[in-house]
Protein backbone atom coordinates (compact mmCIF):
# COMPACT_ATOMS: atom_id res chain seq x y z
CA MET A 1 3.03 1.37 5.32
CA GLY A 2 3.11 4.95 4.16
CA GLY A 3 1.04 7.85 5.40
CA PHE A 4 2.15 10.97 7.22
CA THR A 5 4.03 9.01 9.90
CA SER A 6 6.34 7.46 7.31
CA PHE A 7 7.96 10.70 6.19
CA ALA A 8 10.37 11.04 9.16
CA PRO A 9 11.82 7.51 8.94
CA VAL A 10 12.07 7.75 5.14
CA TRP A 11 13.91 11.06 5.46
CA ALA A 12 16.21 9.60 8.13
CA GLY A 13 16.91 6.59 5.93
CA ARG A 14 17.74 8.86 3.03
CA GLU A 15 20.11 10.89 5.19
CA CYS A 16 21.81 7.65 6.28
CA LYS A 17 22.09 6.59 2.63
CA THR A 18 19.84 3.58 3.26
CA ARG A 19 17.39 2.33 0.66
CA THR A 20 13.86 3.47 1.47
CA LEU A 21 10.39 2.42 0.43
CA ILE A 22 6.74 2.92 1.22
CA HIS A 23 3.71 0.69 0.73
CA ASP A 24 0.38 2.10 -0.44
CA SER A 25 -2.63 -0.20 -0.08
CA ASN A 26 -5.07 2.23 -1.65
CA ALA A 27 -6.23 2.42 -5.26
CA ILE A 28 -5.61 6.18 -5.10
CA PRO A 29 -2.73 7.33 -2.88
CA GLY A 30 -3.08 10.17 -0.41
CA ARG A 31 -1.03 13.36 -0.38
CA ALA A 32 1.35 12.10 2.30
CA ASN A 33 2.38 9.08 0.25
CA LYS A 34 2.75 11.13 -2.91
CA LEU A 35 5.11 13.48 -1.06
CA THR A 36 7.04 10.75 0.75
CA ALA A 37 7.43 8.75 -2.47
CA LYS A 38 9.63 11.51 -3.88
CA PHE A 39 12.28 10.52 -1.31
CA CYS A 40 11.91 6.73 -1.66
CA ASP A 41 13.84 4.30 -3.80
CA THR A 42 10.89 1.97 -4.31
CA ILE A 43 7.11 2.23 -4.02
CA LEU A 44 5.24 -0.95 -3.11
CA LEU A 45 1.64 -1.03 -4.32
CA GLY A 46 -1.46 -2.84 -3.17
CA PHE A 47 -3.04 -2.23 -6.59
CA GLU A 48 -1.15 -1.89 -9.86
CA GLU A 49 -3.40 1.01 -10.95
CA CYS A 50 -2.10 3.07 -8.03
CA GLY A 51 1.30 3.30 -9.74
CA ALA A 52 -0.05 5.83 -12.25
CA TYR A 53 -0.24 8.43 -9.45
CA PHE A 54 3.50 8.33 -8.79
CA ALA A 55 6.38 9.66 -10.91
CA PRO A 56 7.05 7.36 -13.88
CA GLU A 57 10.79 7.16 -13.14
CA LYS A 58 10.19 5.74 -9.66
CA ALA A 59 10.64 1.99 -9.16
CA LYS A 60 7.28 0.39 -8.37
CA ARG A 61 6.29 -3.13 -7.46
CA THR A 62 2.77 -4.48 -6.98
CA VAL A 63 2.80 -6.73 -3.92
CA GLY A 64 -0.84 -6.66 -2.79
CA THR A 65 -1.99 -5.80 0.70
CA PRO A 66 -0.95 -7.95 3.65
CA ILE A 67 -3.68 -9.11 6.02
CA ARG A 68 -3.58 -10.77 9.40
CA SER A 69 -3.84 -14.56 9.32
CA ALA A 70 -6.88 -14.35 11.63
CA LEU A 71 -8.79 -12.38 8.98
CA LEU A 72 -7.85 -14.84 6.27
CA LYS A 73 -8.93 -17.77 8.44
CA ALA A 74 -12.28 -16.11 9.24
CA ALA A 75 -12.90 -15.44 5.55
CA GLN A 76 -12.14 -19.05 4.66
CA GLU A 77 -14.41 -20.39 7.40
CA SER A 78 -17.33 -18.16 6.40
CA MET A 79 -18.80 -19.73 3.30
CA GLU A 80 -22.00 -17.67 3.32
CA ASP A 81 -22.79 -16.11 -0.03
CA PRO A 82 -22.02 -12.37 0.27
CA HIS A 83 -24.82 -11.50 -2.18
CA LYS A 84 -27.33 -13.27 0.05
CA PHE A 85 -25.84 -11.79 3.25
CA PHE A 86 -26.19 -8.21 1.94
CA GLY A 87 -29.47 -8.85 0.10
CA LEU A 88 -27.99 -8.11 -3.33
CA SER A 89 -29.13 -9.49 -6.65
């Protein structure tokens, strides 16, 4: 999923001549993902706008951000209006 822990496996994959990729779920990527992306074949994005922060020649694909099925189920079961819940107009 990217971040500082992804650099070592991406580097190892590159050394083994295996295709590599990272996934960034943020709207603005962190430094670790920007560095690691230089060694990746493809960058998967949670938000299309995030792609502007990576080199234009890099392959990018917007795939969204995966969530656990339990979170999706809880969101579907909770029909309370979020504006009312947070007291927003």
